C-alpha atoms as a PDB file:
ATOM      1  CA  MET A   1     -13.290  14.661  -7.561  1.00  0.00           C
ATOM      2  CA  ASN A   2     -15.832  15.951  -5.045  1.00  0.00           C
ATOM      3  CA  SER A   3     -18.753  13.768  -4.025  1.00  0.00           C
ATOM      4  CA  ASP A   4     -20.993  15.638  -6.490  1.00  0.00           C
ATOM      5  CA  GLY A   5     -18.684  14.919  -9.425  1.00  0.00           C
ATOM      6  CA  THR A   6     -17.074  18.351  -9.641  1.00  0.00           C
ATOM      7  CA  LEU A   7     -13.318  18.747  -9.867  1.00  0.00           C
ATOM      8  CA  ARG A   8     -11.590  19.111  -6.509  1.00  0.00           C
ATOM      9  CA  TYR A   9      -7.970  19.505  -7.631  1.00  0.00           C
ATOM     10  CA  VAL A  10      -5.291  18.454 -10.082  1.00  0.00           C
ATOM     11  CA  VAL A  11      -1.895  17.606  -8.610  1.00  0.00           C
ATOM     12  CA  ASP A  12       0.640  20.026 -10.064  1.00  0.00           C
ATOM     13  CA  ARG A  13       2.705  18.436 -12.875  1.00  0.00           C
ATOM     14  CA  ALA A  14       1.372  14.954 -12.146  1.00  0.00           C
ATOM     15  CA  ILE A  15       0.570  12.602 -15.032  1.00  0.00           C
ATOM     16  CA  HIS A  16      -0.285   8.919 -15.367  1.00  0.00           C
ATOM     17  CA  GLY A  17       0.399   6.389 -12.607  1.00  0.00           C
ATOM     18  CA  ASP A  18      -0.988   2.940 -11.781  1.00  0.00           C
ATOM     19  CA  ARG A  19      -0.855   3.105  -7.988  1.00  0.00           C
ATOM     20  CA  PHE A  20      -2.464   5.567  -5.566  1.00  0.00           C
ATOM     21  CA  ASP A  21      -2.287   4.733  -1.855  1.00  0.00           C
ATOM     22  CA  ILE A  22      -4.633   7.019   0.103  1.00  0.00           C
ATOM     23  CA  ALA A  23      -4.973   6.676   3.885  1.00  0.00           C
ATOM     24  CA  ASP A  24      -3.969   8.310   7.150  1.00  0.00           C
ATOM     25  CA  LEU A  25      -0.278   7.706   6.511  1.00  0.00           C
ATOM     26  CA  ASP A  26       0.980  10.196   9.112  1.00  0.00           C
ATOM     27  CA  PRO A  27      -0.651   9.954  12.564  1.00  0.00           C
ATOM     28  CA  ASP A  28       0.542  13.459  13.500  1.00  0.00           C
ATOM     29  CA  ARG A  29      -0.827  15.219  10.450  1.00  0.00           C
ATOM     30  CA  PRO A  30      -4.558  16.021  10.151  1.00  0.00           C
ATOM     31  CA  GLY A  31      -6.533  14.336   7.395  1.00  0.00           C
ATOM     32  CA  LEU A  32      -5.485  11.804   4.787  1.00  0.00           C
ATOM     33  CA  GLU A  33      -2.336  11.629   2.725  1.00  0.00           C
ATOM     34  CA  GLY A  34      -1.532   9.868  -0.521  1.00  0.00           C
ATOM     35  CA  PHE A  35       1.419   8.273  -2.267  1.00  0.00           C
ATOM     36  CA  ALA A  36       1.441   7.993  -6.061  1.00  0.00           C
ATOM     37  CA  ILE A  37       3.875   6.756  -8.680  1.00  0.00           C
ATOM     38  CA  GLN A  38       4.493   8.355 -12.078  1.00  0.00           C
ATOM     39  CA  GLN A  39       4.944   6.499 -15.334  1.00  0.00           C
ATOM     40  CA  SER A  40       6.705   7.573 -18.515  1.00  0.00           C
ATOM     41  CA  GLU A  41       5.273   5.949 -21.628  1.00  0.00           C
ATOM     42  CA  LEU A  42       3.869   6.637 -25.089  1.00  0.00           C
ATOM     43  CA  GLY A  43       6.169   9.631 -25.426  1.00  0.00           C
ATOM     44  CA  ILE A  44       4.900  11.315 -22.259  1.00  0.00           C
ATOM     45  CA  VAL A  45       7.733  11.743 -19.754  1.00  0.00           C
ATOM     46  CA  SER A  46       7.126  12.261 -16.048  1.00  0.00           C
ATOM     47  CA  ALA A  47       8.663  15.205 -14.221  1.00  0.00           C
ATOM     48  CA  PHE A  48       9.326  13.046 -11.137  1.00  0.00           C
ATOM     49  CA  PRO A  49       9.086   9.327 -10.240  1.00  0.00           C
ATOM     50  CA  TRP A  50       6.647   9.667  -7.329  1.00  0.00           C
ATOM     51  CA  TYR A  51       5.042  12.103  -4.930  1.00  0.00           C
ATOM     52  CA  TYR A  52       3.679  12.086  -1.369  1.00  0.00           C
ATOM     53  CA  TYR A  53       0.784  14.499  -1.083  1.00  0.00           C
ATOM     54  CA  ASP A  54      -2.126  15.943   0.892  1.00  0.00           C
ATOM     55  CA  ALA A  55      -5.139  13.907  -0.233  1.00  0.00           C
ATOM     56  CA  ASP A  56      -7.557  16.747   0.554  1.00  0.00           C
ATOM     57  CA  THR A  57      -5.852  19.545  -1.368  1.00  0.00           C
ATOM     58  CA  GLY A  58      -3.501  17.779  -3.789  1.00  0.00           C
ATOM     59  CA  GLU A  59      -0.467  19.656  -2.460  1.00  0.00           C
ATOM     60  CA  ARG A  60       2.739  17.714  -3.036  1.00  0.00           C
ATOM     61  CA  LEU A  61       4.463  17.390   0.342  1.00  0.00           C
ATOM     62  CA  VAL A  62       7.504  15.388  -0.809  1.00  0.00           C
ATOM     63  CA  THR A  63       8.506  14.777  -4.411  1.00  0.00           C
ATOM     64  CA  GLY A  64      10.914  12.141  -5.696  1.00  0.00           C
ATOM     65  CA  SER A  65      13.723  13.009  -8.099  1.00  0.00           C
ATOM     66  CA  HIS A  66      14.781  11.482 -11.396  1.00  0.00           C
ATOM     67  CA  PRO A  67      18.462  10.852 -12.110  1.00  0.00           C
ATOM     68  CA  THR A  68      20.205  13.748 -13.848  1.00  0.00           C
ATOM     69  CA  SER A  69      21.321  11.606 -16.817  1.00  0.00           C
ATOM     70  CA  PRO A  70      18.605   9.077 -17.713  1.00  0.00           C
ATOM     71  CA  VAL A  71      19.371   6.546 -20.440  1.00  0.00           C
ATOM     72  CA  SER A  72      15.976   6.952 -22.120  1.00  0.00           C
ATOM     73  CA  ASP A  73      12.387   8.030 -21.504  1.00  0.00           C
ATOM     74  CA  ALA A  74      11.558   4.445 -20.544  1.00  0.00           C
ATOM     75  CA  ASP A  75      14.334   4.678 -17.980  1.00  0.00           C
ATOM     76  CA  LEU A  76      12.157   7.180 -16.101  1.00  0.00           C
ATOM     77  CA  ASP A  77       9.127   4.886 -15.892  1.00  0.00           C
ATOM     78  CA  THR A  78       8.055   3.971 -12.339  1.00  0.00           C
ATOM     79  CA  GLY A  79       5.599   1.110 -12.645  1.00  0.00           C
ATOM     80  CA  ARG A  80       4.774   0.219  -9.050  1.00  0.00           C
ATOM     81  CA  GLY A  81       4.740   1.732  -5.570  1.00  0.00           C
ATOM     82  CA  ASN A  82       3.447   0.880  -2.119  1.00  0.00           C
ATOM     83  CA  ALA A  83       2.867   2.472   1.293  1.00  0.00           C
ATOM     84  CA  ALA A  84       2.845   0.564   4.596  1.00  0.00           C
ATOM     85  CA  ASP A  85       4.055   0.795   8.178  1.00  0.00           C
ATOM     86  CA  ILE A  86       7.017  -1.565   7.911  1.00  0.00           C
ATOM     87  CA  ASP A  87       9.558   0.161  10.183  1.00  0.00           C
ATOM     88  CA  PRO A  88       8.491   0.545  13.850  1.00  0.00           C
ATOM     89  CA  ASP A  89      11.509   2.731  14.569  1.00  0.00           C
ATOM     90  CA  HIS A  90       9.993   5.567  12.551  1.00  0.00           C
ATOM     91  CA  ARG A  91       6.607   7.093  13.288  1.00  0.00           C
ATOM     92  CA  GLY A  92       4.015   6.734  10.549  1.00  0.00           C
ATOM     93  CA  TYR A  93       4.037   4.838   7.270  1.00  0.00           C
ATOM     94  CA  GLU A  94       6.850   4.176   4.837  1.00  0.00           C
ATOM     95  CA  TYR A  95       6.598   4.306   1.040  1.00  0.00           C
ATOM     96  CA  TRP A  96       8.761   3.011  -1.817  1.00  0.00           C
ATOM     97  CA  THR A  97       8.675   2.131  -5.510  1.00  0.00           C
ATOM     98  CA  SER A  98       9.822  -0.579  -7.895  1.00  0.00           C
ATOM     99  CA  THR A  99      12.984   1.358  -8.783  1.00  0.00           C
ATOM    100  CA  ALA A 100      15.698  -1.274  -8.497  1.00  0.00           C
ATOM    101  CA  ASP A 101      18.793   0.929  -8.913  1.00  0.00           C
ATOM    102  CA  VAL A 102      19.602   1.956  -5.328  1.00  0.00           C
ATOM    103  CA  THR A 103      21.857   4.791  -6.539  1.00  0.00           C
ATOM    104  CA  ARG A 104      18.901   6.722  -7.920  1.00  0.00           C
ATOM    105  CA  PRO A 105      17.725   9.714  -5.868  1.00  0.00           C
ATOM    106  CA  GLY A 106      14.131   8.425  -5.863  1.00  0.00           C
ATOM    107  CA  ALA A 107      15.033   4.879  -4.805  1.00  0.00           C
ATOM    108  CA  GLY A 108      14.811   3.392  -1.317  1.00  0.00           C
ATOM    109  CA  VAL A 109      12.312   3.322   1.529  1.00  0.00           C
ATOM    110  CA  PHE A 110      11.048   6.710   2.760  1.00  0.00           C
ATOM    111  CA  ASN A 111       9.234   7.484   6.004  1.00  0.00           C
ATOM    112  CA  VAL A 112       6.493  10.125   5.978  1.00  0.00           C
ATOM    113  CA  GLN A 113       8.252  12.094   8.718  1.00  0.00           C
ATOM    114  CA  ASP A 114      11.923  11.139   8.559  1.00  0.00           C
ATOM    115  CA  GLY A 115      12.658  10.810   4.848  1.00  0.00           C
ATOM    116  CA  LYS A 116      14.818   8.022   3.455  1.00  0.00           C
ATOM    117  CA  VAL A 117      15.322   5.210   5.972  1.00  0.00           C
ATOM    118  CA  SER A 118      16.698   2.445   3.717  1.00  0.00           C
ATOM    119  CA  THR A 119      18.505   2.208   0.395  1.00  0.00           C
ATOM    120  CA  THR A 120      17.158  -1.292  -0.263  1.00  0.00           C
ATOM    121  CA  THR A 121      13.474  -2.011  -0.748  1.00  0.00           C
ATOM    122  CA  PRO A 122      11.035  -4.872  -0.087  1.00  0.00           C
ATOM    123  CA  SER A 123       8.502  -6.282  -2.552  1.00  0.00           C
ATOM    124  CA  VAL A 124       6.254  -3.595  -3.960  1.00  0.00           C
ATOM    125  CA  ASN A 125       2.946  -5.323  -4.681  1.00  0.00           C
ATOM    126  CA  PHE A 126       0.603  -5.033  -1.658  1.00  0.00           C
ATOM    127  CA  ARG A 127       0.654  -4.410   2.090  1.00  0.00           C
ATOM    128  CA  ILE A 128      -1.298  -6.850   4.337  1.00  0.00           C
ATOM    129  CA  TRP A 129      -2.067  -7.139   8.065  1.00  0.00           C
ATOM    130  CA  TRP A 130      -1.126 -10.758   8.721  1.00  0.00           C
ATOM    131  CA  ASP A 131       0.726 -11.391  11.977  1.00  0.00           C
ATOM    132  CA  GLY A 132      -0.079 -10.204  15.503  1.00  0.00           C
ATOM    133  CA  ASP A 133       1.374  -6.682  15.477  1.00  0.00           C
ATOM    134  CA  LYS A 134      -0.184  -3.567  13.971  1.00  0.00           C
ATOM    135  CA  ALA A 135       2.610  -3.009  11.455  1.00  0.00           C
ATOM    136  CA  SER A 136       2.145  -4.305   7.921  1.00  0.00           C
ATOM    137  CA  GLU A 137       3.457  -7.372   6.199  1.00  0.00           C
ATOM    138  CA  LEU A 138       3.763  -7.596   2.419  1.00  0.00           C
ATOM    139  CA  LEU A 139       1.857  -9.737  -0.080  1.00  0.00           C
ATOM    140  CA  ASP A 140       3.583 -10.610  -3.357  1.00  0.00           C
ATOM    141  CA  PHE A 141       2.364 -13.383  -5.669  1.00  0.00           C
ATOM    142  CA  THR A 142       0.788 -15.714  -3.044  1.00  0.00           C
ATOM    143  CA  ARG A 143       3.426 -15.334  -0.329  1.00  0.00           C
ATOM    144  CA  VAL A 144       3.545 -13.085   2.725  1.00  0.00           C
ATOM    145  CA  GLU A 145       6.834 -11.406   3.651  1.00  0.00           C
ATOM    146  CA  LYS A 146       8.070  -9.509   6.710  1.00  0.00           C
ATOM    147  CA  TRP A 147      10.477  -6.606   6.268  1.00  0.00           C
ATOM    148  CA  ASP A 148      13.397  -6.390   8.695  1.00  0.00           C
ATOM    149  CA  PRO A 149      14.571  -2.754   8.908  1.00  0.00           C
ATOM    150  CA  ALA A 150      17.774  -3.765  10.695  1.00  0.00           C
ATOM    151  CA  THR A 151      19.010  -5.869   7.772  1.00  0.00           C
ATOM    152  CA  GLY A 152      17.160  -4.145   4.955  1.00  0.00           C
ATOM    153  CA  SER A 153      15.776  -7.472   3.769  1.00  0.00           C
ATOM    154  CA  SER A 154      12.572  -9.520   3.848  1.00  0.00           C
ATOM    155  CA  ALA A 155      11.773 -13.001   5.142  1.00  0.00           C
ATOM    156  CA  THR A 156       8.909 -15.162   3.893  1.00  0.00           C
ATOM    157  CA  VAL A 157       6.466 -15.921   6.728  1.00  0.00           C
ATOM    158  CA  PHE A 158       3.749 -17.695   4.705  1.00  0.00           C
ATOM    159  CA  ASP A 159       4.001 -19.430   1.339  1.00  0.00           C
ATOM    160  CA  PRO A 160       1.073 -21.736   0.500  1.00  0.00           C
ATOM    161  CA  ALA A 161       1.615 -24.669  -1.834  1.00  0.00           C
ATOM    162  CA  GLY A 162      -0.608 -25.613  -4.745  1.00  0.00           C
ATOM    163  CA  VAL A 163      -1.919 -22.137  -5.540  1.00  0.00           C
ATOM    164  CA  VAL A 164      -0.981 -19.537  -8.136  1.00  0.00           C
ATOM    165  CA  SER A 165      -1.240 -15.791  -8.605  1.00  0.00           C
ATOM    166  CA  GLY A 166      -2.881 -14.141 -11.566  1.00  0.00           C
ATOM    167  CA  ALA A 167      -2.333 -10.981 -13.551  1.00  0.00           C
ATOM    168  CA  ARG A 168       0.232  -8.542 -12.121  1.00  0.00           C
ATOM    169  CA  ASN A 169       1.376 -11.154  -9.568  1.00  0.00           C
ATOM    170  CA  ALA A 170      -1.843 -10.662  -7.611  1.00  0.00           C
ATOM    171  CA  THR A 171      -4.289 -13.074  -6.001  1.00  0.00           C
ATOM    172  CA  PRO A 172      -7.992 -12.635  -6.922  1.00  0.00           C
ATOM    173  CA  PHE A 173      -8.731 -11.010  -3.543  1.00  0.00           C
ATOM    174  CA  TYR A 174      -7.338 -10.266  -0.104  1.00  0.00           C
ATOM    175  CA  GLY A 175      -8.925  -8.546   2.880  1.00  0.00           C
ATOM    176  CA  ASP A 176     -10.449  -8.918   6.336  1.00  0.00           C
ATOM    177  CA  LEU A 177     -13.202 -11.436   5.611  1.00  0.00           C
ATOM    178  CA  VAL A 178     -13.095 -13.523   8.802  1.00  0.00           C
ATOM    179  CA  GLY A 179     -13.341 -10.440  10.969  1.00  0.00           C
ATOM    180  CA  ASP A 180     -10.625 -10.351  13.652  1.00  0.00           C
ATOM    181  CA  TRP A 181      -8.938  -7.433  11.711  1.00  0.00           C
ATOM    182  CA  ARG A 182      -6.118  -9.451  10.167  1.00  0.00           C
ATOM    183  CA  GLU A 183      -6.519 -10.037   6.438  1.00  0.00           C
ATOM    184  CA  GLU A 184      -7.165 -13.230   4.503  1.00  0.00           C
ATOM    185  CA  ILE A 185      -5.835 -14.298   1.099  1.00  0.00           C
ATOM    186  CA  LEU A 186      -8.057 -15.829  -1.572  1.00  0.00           C
ATOM    187  CA  ALA A 187      -5.955 -17.785  -4.046  1.00  0.00           C
ATOM    188  CA  GLU A 188      -6.662 -19.957  -7.065  1.00  0.00           C
ATOM    189  CA  THR A 189      -5.494 -23.578  -7.099  1.00  0.00           C
ATOM    190  CA  ALA A 190      -2.798 -24.435  -9.617  1.00  0.00           C
ATOM    191  CA  ASP A 191      -5.235 -26.544 -11.654  1.00  0.00           C
ATOM    192  CA  HIS A 192      -7.723 -23.623 -11.787  1.00  0.00           C
ATOM    193  CA  THR A 193     -10.596 -25.675 -10.384  1.00  0.00           C
ATOM    194  CA  ALA A 194     -11.072 -24.084  -6.973  1.00  0.00           C
ATOM    195  CA  LEU A 195     -10.374 -21.138  -4.692  1.00  0.00           C
ATOM    196  CA  ARG A 196      -8.704 -21.433  -1.278  1.00  0.00           C
ATOM    197  CA  LEU A 197      -9.051 -18.950   1.565  1.00  0.00           C
ATOM    198  CA  TYR A 198      -6.008 -18.627   3.820  1.00  0.00           C
ATOM    199  CA  THR A 199      -6.029 -16.950   7.218  1.00  0.00           C
ATOM    200  CA  THR A 200      -3.264 -16.267   9.706  1.00  0.00           C
ATOM    201  CA  THR A 201      -2.663 -18.697  12.572  1.00  0.00           C
ATOM    202  CA  VAL A 202      -0.695 -16.125  14.584  1.00  0.00           C
ATOM    203  CA  PRO A 203      -2.423 -15.152  17.854  1.00  0.00           C
ATOM    204  CA  THR A 204      -2.676 -11.497  18.801  1.00  0.00           C
ATOM    205  CA  GLY A 205      -3.598  -9.455  21.835  1.00  0.00           C
ATOM    206  CA  THR A 206      -4.571  -6.493  19.653  1.00  0.00           C
ATOM    207  CA  ARG A 207      -8.297  -5.756  19.555  1.00  0.00           C
ATOM    208  CA  VAL A 208      -9.487  -3.789  16.518  1.00  0.00           C
ATOM    209  CA  TYR A 209     -12.923  -3.481  14.950  1.00  0.00           C
ATOM    210  CA  THR A 210     -13.472  -5.588  11.848  1.00  0.00           C
ATOM    211  CA  LEU A 211     -11.764  -3.623   9.079  1.00  0.00           C
ATOM    212  CA  ALA A 212     -14.715  -4.040   6.723  1.00  0.00           C
ATOM    213  CA  GLN A 213     -16.743  -1.804   9.054  1.00  0.00           C
ATOM    214  CA  ASN A 214     -14.668   1.110   7.742  1.00  0.00           C
ATOM    215  CA  PRO A 215     -16.152   2.660   4.552  1.00  0.00           C
ATOM    216  CA  ALA A 216     -12.807   3.510   2.955  1.00  0.00           C
ATOM    217  CA  TYR A 217     -11.570  -0.026   3.523  1.00  0.00           C
ATOM    218  CA  ARG A 218     -14.691  -1.552   1.953  1.00  0.00           C
ATOM    219  CA  LEU A 219     -14.367   0.713  -1.066  1.00  0.00           C
ATOM    220  CA  GLY A 220     -10.835  -0.592  -1.526  1.00  0.00           C
ATOM    221  CA  TRP A 221     -12.320  -4.005  -2.215  1.00  0.00           C
ATOM    222  CA  THR A 222     -14.125  -2.678  -5.286  1.00  0.00           C
ATOM    223  CA  VAL A 223     -10.933  -1.704  -7.136  1.00  0.00           C
ATOM    224  CA  ARG A 224     -10.249  -3.923 -10.141  1.00  0.00           C
ATOM    225  CA  GLY A 225      -7.727  -3.777 -12.945  1.00  0.00           C
ATOM    226  CA  TYR A 226      -4.718  -2.173 -11.300  1.00  0.00           C
ATOM    227  CA  LEU A 227      -5.294  -3.541  -7.819  1.00  0.00           C
ATOM    228  CA  GLN A 228      -4.302  -1.380  -4.842  1.00  0.00           C
ATOM    229  CA  SER A 229      -3.280  -2.107  -1.278  1.00  0.00           C
ATOM    230  CA  THR A 230      -6.167  -1.915   1.202  1.00  0.00           C
ATOM    231  CA  TYR A 231      -6.298   0.873   3.814  1.00  0.00           C
ATOM    232  CA  THR A 232      -8.565   2.274   6.489  1.00  0.00           C
ATOM    233  CA  ASP A 233      -9.253   6.016   6.681  1.00  0.00           C
ATOM    234  CA  TYR A 234      -7.929   6.076  10.258  1.00  0.00           C
ATOM    235  CA  TYR A 235      -4.309   5.480  11.214  1.00  0.00           C
ATOM    236  CA  LEU A 236      -3.615   1.778  11.734  1.00  0.00           C
ATOM    237  CA  GLY A 237       0.048   1.172  12.437  1.00  0.00           C
ATOM    238  CA  THR A 238       2.608   0.509  15.139  1.00  0.00           C
ATOM    239  CA  GLU A 239       1.678   3.621  17.134  1.00  0.00           C
ATOM    240  CA  THR A 240      -2.091   3.016  17.074  1.00  0.00           C
ATOM    241  CA  ARG A 241      -3.576   2.752  20.558  1.00  0.00           C
ATOM    242  CA  ARG A 242      -7.280   3.191  19.765  1.00  0.00           C
ATOM    243  CA  VAL A 243      -9.294   3.190  16.563  1.00  0.00           C
ATOM    244  CA  PRO A 244     -12.583   5.058  16.054  1.00  0.00           C
ATOM    245  CA  GLU A 245     -15.810   3.226  16.705  1.00  0.00           C
ATOM    246  CA  PRO A 246     -17.594   2.389  13.434  1.00  0.00           C
ATOM    247  CA  HIS A 247     -20.771   4.360  12.733  1.00  0.00           C
ATOM    248  CA  LEU A 248     -23.088   1.727  11.343  1.00  0.00           C
ATOM    249  CA  THR A 249     -26.826   1.671  10.858  1.00  0.00           C
ATOM    250  CA  THR A 250     -28.973  -1.341  10.018  1.00  0.00           C
ATOM    251  CA  PRO A 251     -32.335  -1.379   8.257  1.00  0.00           C
ATOM    252  CA  ALA A 252     -35.376  -1.523  10.475  1.00  0.00           C
ATOM    253  CA  HIS A 253     -37.131  -4.897  10.495  1.00  0.00           C
END
């Protein structure tokens, strides 16, 4: 939709999906890009499992493929997807889905410039900036994981005790609340009597403006229901050397 409520575009042949990751996913391509999954349910079958697209025009840039001989319509359902910079050997972000069968043409980790870079995949819930580098870690349930591209596997780097996740394996909130640009996790105690806020203890030499000063990032906090990963509207990844200065105004006293 345009800012005045008029229709901007409809992505060709796209139907229902629960995840839309919109950000500057490719630092060498002007504007924003998006990654979206496609679900098959209630008798409506998707034409493809996912698509990577131009967020300004809706043009599909890369489109995933279904297997040629699916078992059933439900077999074509892609329920989750995520986009994050998890492989520093490839420029730009990676994206992947919850498809577990690595033999499927749409399965694996894909880079926005280089295509498929791994046949195995990490957790698919949320990306999070947690440690000291500008690449992303992954948040699933209440634990933080780090993807190792060399081994195609993840290691848990933070796993708090005494807290639980809620619906869809998500914590009530995560984001840059403290303000050094890494993101915090708000989790509910196991007895449901309190909330705990967890922040990284990893030092960093990277200096970035507080993420909440970015309008797109703040808007990401308002999403409820099918929660999404948080993103800025500028490229924040391994290759980032400088981020734009926030344009903020304050009310006159």
